[in-house]
Amino acid sequence: MQIRPLYDRIVVKRIEQKETMQGGLYIPDSAKEKPQEGEVVAVGKGKRLEDGKVVPLDVAVGDRILFGKYSGSDIKLDNEEYMIMREDEVLGILEAQPKVAKKAS
């Protein structure tokens, strides 16, 4: 199933960070905080201004973003969990850092 968000809404898939536990402690899923980083899966056409013009969104499909803890609404499609939120709930777009080659000694 595909989803096409309307106007300035985006669909985001949360990115789970792998945590290594030391000391053998187990933290149940109910006690873990949900990640606040995700990948944009779908975007709307843009925000409609009062004069009727549509302004395209700054985020694009494939961007990695940061969002607030209580942003968006959780949805489930084809047994996959996503979030749908407005573009103004996005805190920032994560840019990939170029990898620096180590000097051989």
N, C-alpha and C. Protein backbone atom coordinates (compact mmCIF):
# COMPACT_ATOMS: atom_id res chain seq x y z
N MET A 1 0.84 -1.18 0.00
CA MET A 1 0.00 0.00 0.00
C MET A 1 0.89 1.24 0.00
N GLN A 2 0.54 2.21 -0.80
CA GLN A 2 1.28 3.46 -0.88
C GLN A 2 0.46 4.56 -0.21
N ILE A 3 1.14 5.55 0.34
CA ILE A 3 0.46 6.70 0.92
C ILE A 3 1.05 7.97 0.32
N ARG A 4 0.17 8.89 -0.02
CA ARG A 4 0.60 10.18 -0.55
C ARG A 4 0.06 11.24 0.40
N PRO A 5 0.94 11.83 1.21
CA PRO A 5 0.47 12.84 2.17
C PRO A 5 0.01 14.10 1.45
N LEU A 6 -0.89 14.82 2.07
CA LEU A 6 -1.43 16.04 1.48
C LEU A 6 -0.69 17.27 1.99
N TYR A 7 -0.65 18.29 1.15
CA TYR A 7 -0.10 19.61 1.47
C TYR A 7 1.29 19.53 2.07
N ASP A 8 1.48 20.04 3.31
CA ASP A 8 2.82 20.13 3.90
C ASP A 8 3.12 18.98 4.85
N ARG A 9 2.45 17.85 4.66
CA ARG A 9 2.69 16.70 5.54
C ARG A 9 3.73 15.78 4.92
N ILE A 10 4.44 15.06 5.80
CA ILE A 10 5.44 14.08 5.36
C ILE A 10 5.22 12.77 6.11
N VAL A 11 5.63 11.67 5.51
CA VAL A 11 5.58 10.35 6.15
C VAL A 11 7.01 9.96 6.48
N VAL A 12 7.24 9.54 7.73
CA VAL A 12 8.58 9.27 8.24
C VAL A 12 8.62 7.87 8.84
N LYS A 13 9.71 7.15 8.56
CA LYS A 13 9.96 5.86 9.21
C LYS A 13 11.06 6.08 10.24
N ARG A 14 10.77 5.73 11.47
CA ARG A 14 11.76 5.90 12.55
C ARG A 14 12.99 5.05 12.29
N ILE A 15 14.16 5.57 12.65
CA ILE A 15 15.41 4.83 12.52
C ILE A 15 15.81 4.40 13.92
N GLU A 16 15.87 3.09 14.11
CA GLU A 16 16.24 2.54 15.41
C GLU A 16 17.75 2.52 15.56
N GLN A 17 18.25 3.08 16.65
CA GLN A 17 19.68 3.01 16.92
C GLN A 17 19.95 1.75 17.77
N LYS A 18 20.96 1.03 17.37
CA LYS A 18 21.33 -0.18 18.10
C LYS A 18 22.07 0.21 19.38
N GLU A 19 21.63 -0.35 20.48
CA GLU A 19 22.27 -0.07 21.76
C GLU A 19 22.92 -1.33 22.29
N THR A 20 24.14 -1.20 22.75
CA THR A 20 24.80 -2.34 23.37
C THR A 20 24.72 -2.15 24.88
N MET A 21 24.23 -3.15 25.55
CA MET A 21 24.05 -3.07 26.99
C MET A 21 25.27 -3.67 27.67
N GLN A 22 25.76 -2.97 28.69
CA GLN A 22 26.87 -3.49 29.47
C GLN A 22 26.33 -3.92 30.83
N GLY A 23 26.87 -4.97 31.36
CA GLY A 23 26.45 -5.43 32.67
C GLY A 23 25.28 -6.39 32.62
N GLY A 24 24.79 -6.73 31.44
CA GLY A 24 23.74 -7.72 31.32
C GLY A 24 22.35 -7.22 31.68
N LEU A 25 22.14 -5.91 31.75
CA LEU A 25 20.81 -5.40 32.07
C LEU A 25 19.93 -5.44 30.84
N TYR A 26 18.67 -5.80 31.06
CA TYR A 26 17.70 -5.83 29.97
C TYR A 26 16.69 -4.72 30.20
N ILE A 27 16.50 -3.88 29.19
CA ILE A 27 15.50 -2.81 29.27
C ILE A 27 14.35 -3.19 28.35
N PRO A 28 13.14 -3.37 28.90
CA PRO A 28 12.02 -3.74 28.04
C PRO A 28 11.65 -2.61 27.09
N ASP A 29 10.99 -2.99 25.98
CA ASP A 29 10.60 -2.00 24.97
C ASP A 29 9.71 -0.91 25.55
N SER A 30 8.88 -1.25 26.53
CA SER A 30 7.97 -0.26 27.10
C SER A 30 8.71 0.82 27.88
N ALA A 31 9.94 0.56 28.31
CA ALA A 31 10.72 1.54 29.07
C ALA A 31 11.65 2.36 28.19
N LYS A 32 11.83 1.93 26.95
CA LYS A 32 12.73 2.65 26.05
C LYS A 32 12.02 3.83 25.43
N GLU A 33 12.77 4.90 25.20
CA GLU A 33 12.22 6.04 24.49
C GLU A 33 12.27 5.77 23.00
N LYS A 34 11.26 6.25 22.29
CA LYS A 34 11.24 6.08 20.84
C LYS A 34 12.28 7.01 20.24
N PRO A 35 12.93 6.55 19.18
CA PRO A 35 13.95 7.41 18.55
C PRO A 35 13.32 8.66 17.95
N GLN A 36 14.11 9.72 17.92
CA GLN A 36 13.64 10.99 17.38
C GLN A 36 14.36 11.30 16.07
N GLU A 37 14.78 10.25 15.40
CA GLU A 37 15.45 10.38 14.12
C GLU A 37 14.71 9.46 13.14
N GLY A 38 14.56 9.92 11.90
CA GLY A 38 13.84 9.11 10.94
C GLY A 38 14.23 9.44 9.52
N GLU A 39 13.70 8.63 8.60
CA GLU A 39 13.94 8.82 7.18
C GLU A 39 12.61 9.16 6.51
N VAL A 40 12.63 10.18 5.67
CA VAL A 40 11.42 10.62 4.98
C VAL A 40 11.08 9.61 3.89
N VAL A 41 9.85 9.10 3.91
CA VAL A 41 9.39 8.08 2.97
C VAL A 41 8.53 8.70 1.87
N ALA A 42 7.73 9.72 2.23
CA ALA A 42 6.86 10.37 1.25
C ALA A 42 6.63 11.81 1.68
N VAL A 43 6.44 12.70 0.70
CA VAL A 43 6.19 14.11 1.00
C VAL A 43 4.97 14.59 0.21
N GLY A 44 4.29 15.60 0.77
CA GLY A 44 3.17 16.22 0.07
C GLY A 44 3.67 17.20 -0.98
N LYS A 45 2.73 17.82 -1.68
CA LYS A 45 3.10 18.74 -2.77
C LYS A 45 3.62 20.08 -2.26
N GLY A 46 3.26 20.48 -1.04
CA GLY A 46 3.74 21.74 -0.50
C GLY A 46 2.68 22.46 0.31
N LYS A 47 3.10 23.55 0.93
CA LYS A 47 2.21 24.33 1.78
C LYS A 47 1.47 25.35 0.93
N ARG A 48 0.17 25.43 1.11
CA ARG A 48 -0.65 26.39 0.37
C ARG A 48 -0.74 27.68 1.18
N LEU A 49 -0.32 28.78 0.56
CA LEU A 49 -0.36 30.08 1.20
C LEU A 49 -1.76 30.70 1.08
N GLU A 50 -1.98 31.80 1.78
CA GLU A 50 -3.29 32.45 1.76
C GLU A 50 -3.68 32.94 0.37
N ASP A 51 -2.70 33.31 -0.45
CA ASP A 51 -3.01 33.80 -1.80
C ASP A 51 -3.19 32.66 -2.81
N GLY A 52 -3.13 31.40 -2.35
CA GLY A 52 -3.37 30.24 -3.20
C GLY A 52 -2.13 29.60 -3.79
N LYS A 53 -0.97 30.24 -3.64
CA LYS A 53 0.27 29.67 -4.17
C LYS A 53 0.70 28.49 -3.31
N VAL A 54 1.34 27.51 -3.96
CA VAL A 54 1.87 26.34 -3.26
C VAL A 54 3.38 26.47 -3.19
N VAL A 55 3.92 26.42 -1.96
CA VAL A 55 5.37 26.50 -1.75
C VAL A 55 5.89 25.09 -1.52
N PRO A 56 6.85 24.62 -2.35
CA PRO A 56 7.36 23.26 -2.17
C PRO A 56 8.08 23.10 -0.82
N LEU A 57 8.14 21.85 -0.36
CA LEU A 57 8.75 21.54 0.94
C LEU A 57 10.27 21.54 0.84
N ASP A 58 10.92 21.79 1.99
CA ASP A 58 12.39 21.76 2.06
C ASP A 58 12.92 20.33 2.19
N VAL A 59 12.11 19.43 2.73
CA VAL A 59 12.56 18.04 2.89
C VAL A 59 12.18 17.24 1.65
N ALA A 60 12.96 16.20 1.38
CA ALA A 60 12.71 15.34 0.21
C ALA A 60 12.74 13.88 0.65
N VAL A 61 12.21 13.03 -0.17
CA VAL A 61 12.22 11.59 0.12
C VAL A 61 13.68 11.13 0.24
N GLY A 62 13.98 10.39 1.29
CA GLY A 62 15.33 9.88 1.53
C GLY A 62 16.12 10.71 2.53
N ASP A 63 15.65 11.91 2.87
CA ASP A 63 16.35 12.73 3.87
C ASP A 63 16.24 12.10 5.25
N ARG A 64 17.33 12.20 6.03
CA ARG A 64 17.30 11.79 7.43
C ARG A 64 17.03 13.05 8.25
N ILE A 65 16.02 12.98 9.11
CA ILE A 65 15.59 14.16 9.85
C ILE A 65 15.56 13.91 11.35
N LEU A 66 15.56 15.00 12.10
CA LEU A 66 15.32 14.97 13.54
C LEU A 66 13.98 15.62 13.80
N PHE A 67 13.23 15.07 14.76
CA PHE A 67 11.93 15.64 15.09
C PHE A 67 11.73 15.56 16.60
N GLY A 68 10.80 16.34 17.10
CA GLY A 68 10.52 16.39 18.53
C GLY A 68 9.91 15.11 19.06
N LYS A 69 10.02 14.94 20.37
CA LYS A 69 9.55 13.73 21.04
C LYS A 69 8.05 13.49 20.82
N TYR A 70 7.27 14.55 20.82
CA TYR A 70 5.81 14.41 20.71
C TYR A 70 5.28 14.84 19.35
N SER A 71 6.12 14.80 18.34
CA SER A 71 5.73 15.22 16.98
C SER A 71 4.93 14.15 16.28
N GLY A 72 4.05 14.57 15.40
CA GLY A 72 3.37 13.68 14.47
C GLY A 72 2.39 12.71 15.10
N SER A 73 1.84 11.87 14.25
CA SER A 73 0.91 10.81 14.64
C SER A 73 1.43 9.49 14.11
N ASP A 74 1.36 8.46 14.93
CA ASP A 74 1.80 7.13 14.52
C ASP A 74 0.74 6.48 13.64
N ILE A 75 1.18 5.86 12.55
CA ILE A 75 0.29 5.11 11.67
C ILE A 75 0.93 3.77 11.36
N LYS A 76 0.11 2.82 10.91
CA LYS A 76 0.63 1.49 10.57
C LYS A 76 0.11 1.12 9.19
N LEU A 77 1.04 0.80 8.27
CA LEU A 77 0.70 0.38 6.92
C LEU A 77 1.45 -0.91 6.60
N ASP A 78 0.73 -1.93 6.17
CA ASP A 78 1.35 -3.21 5.80
C ASP A 78 2.28 -3.72 6.89
N ASN A 79 1.84 -3.67 8.13
CA ASN A 79 2.59 -4.13 9.31
C ASN A 79 3.89 -3.37 9.54
N GLU A 80 4.03 -2.19 8.96
CA GLU A 80 5.18 -1.31 9.19
C GLU A 80 4.67 -0.08 9.92
N GLU A 81 5.46 0.40 10.89
CA GLU A 81 5.06 1.59 11.63
C GLU A 81 5.72 2.83 11.03
N TYR A 82 4.93 3.86 10.82
CA TYR A 82 5.38 5.14 10.28
C TYR A 82 4.82 6.25 11.14
N MET A 83 5.28 7.46 10.85
CA MET A 83 4.72 8.66 11.46
C MET A 83 4.32 9.60 10.35
N ILE A 84 3.25 10.35 10.57
CA ILE A 84 2.88 11.39 9.63
C ILE A 84 2.88 12.70 10.41
N MET A 85 3.56 13.71 9.85
CA MET A 85 3.70 14.98 10.57
C MET A 85 3.77 16.12 9.56
N ARG A 86 3.61 17.32 10.07
CA ARG A 86 3.77 18.51 9.24
C ARG A 86 5.25 18.84 9.12
N GLU A 87 5.59 19.51 8.04
CA GLU A 87 7.00 19.86 7.82
C GLU A 87 7.52 20.77 8.93
N ASP A 88 6.69 21.62 9.49
CA ASP A 88 7.17 22.54 10.52
C ASP A 88 7.50 21.84 11.85
N GLU A 89 7.17 20.54 11.98
CA GLU A 89 7.55 19.78 13.16
C GLU A 89 8.97 19.20 13.04
N VAL A 90 9.56 19.30 11.86
CA VAL A 90 10.92 18.81 11.63
C VAL A 90 11.90 19.81 12.23
N LEU A 91 12.81 19.31 13.07
CA LEU A 91 13.79 20.18 13.73
C LEU A 91 15.00 20.43 12.84
N GLY A 92 15.37 19.45 12.02
CA GLY A 92 16.53 19.62 11.16
C GLY A 92 16.74 18.41 10.27
N ILE A 93 17.53 18.64 9.21
CA ILE A 93 17.89 17.57 8.28
C ILE A 93 19.33 17.19 8.56
N LEU A 94 19.59 15.89 8.75
CA LEU A 94 20.94 15.41 9.03
C LEU A 94 21.70 15.27 7.72
N GLU A 95 22.87 15.87 7.67
CA GLU A 95 23.72 15.79 6.49
C GLU A 95 24.77 14.72 6.73
N ALA A 96 25.08 13.94 5.72
CA ALA A 96 26.10 12.90 5.85
C ALA A 96 27.47 13.56 5.93
N GLN A 97 28.30 13.11 6.87
CA GLN A 97 29.65 13.62 7.03
C GLN A 97 30.57 12.88 6.06
N PRO A 98 31.41 13.60 5.33
CA PRO A 98 32.35 12.90 4.45
C PRO A 98 33.36 12.11 5.27
N LYS A 99 33.66 10.91 4.82
CA LYS A 99 34.62 10.08 5.54
C LYS A 99 36.02 10.45 5.12
N VAL A 100 36.87 10.66 6.12
CA VAL A 100 38.26 11.04 5.87
C VAL A 100 39.12 9.80 5.90
N ALA A 101 39.90 9.59 4.87
CA ALA A 101 40.77 8.42 4.81
C ALA A 101 41.92 8.60 5.82
N LYS A 102 42.23 7.52 6.52
CA LYS A 102 43.33 7.58 7.48
C LYS A 102 44.64 7.43 6.75
N LYS A 103 45.63 8.14 7.24
CA LYS A 103 46.94 8.10 6.63
C LYS A 103 47.65 6.81 7.06
N ALA A 104 48.16 6.09 6.08
CA ALA A 104 48.89 4.85 6.39
C ALA A 104 50.24 5.19 6.99
N SER A 105 50.60 4.47 8.07
CA SER A 105 51.88 4.76 8.70
C SER A 105 52.89 3.67 8.51
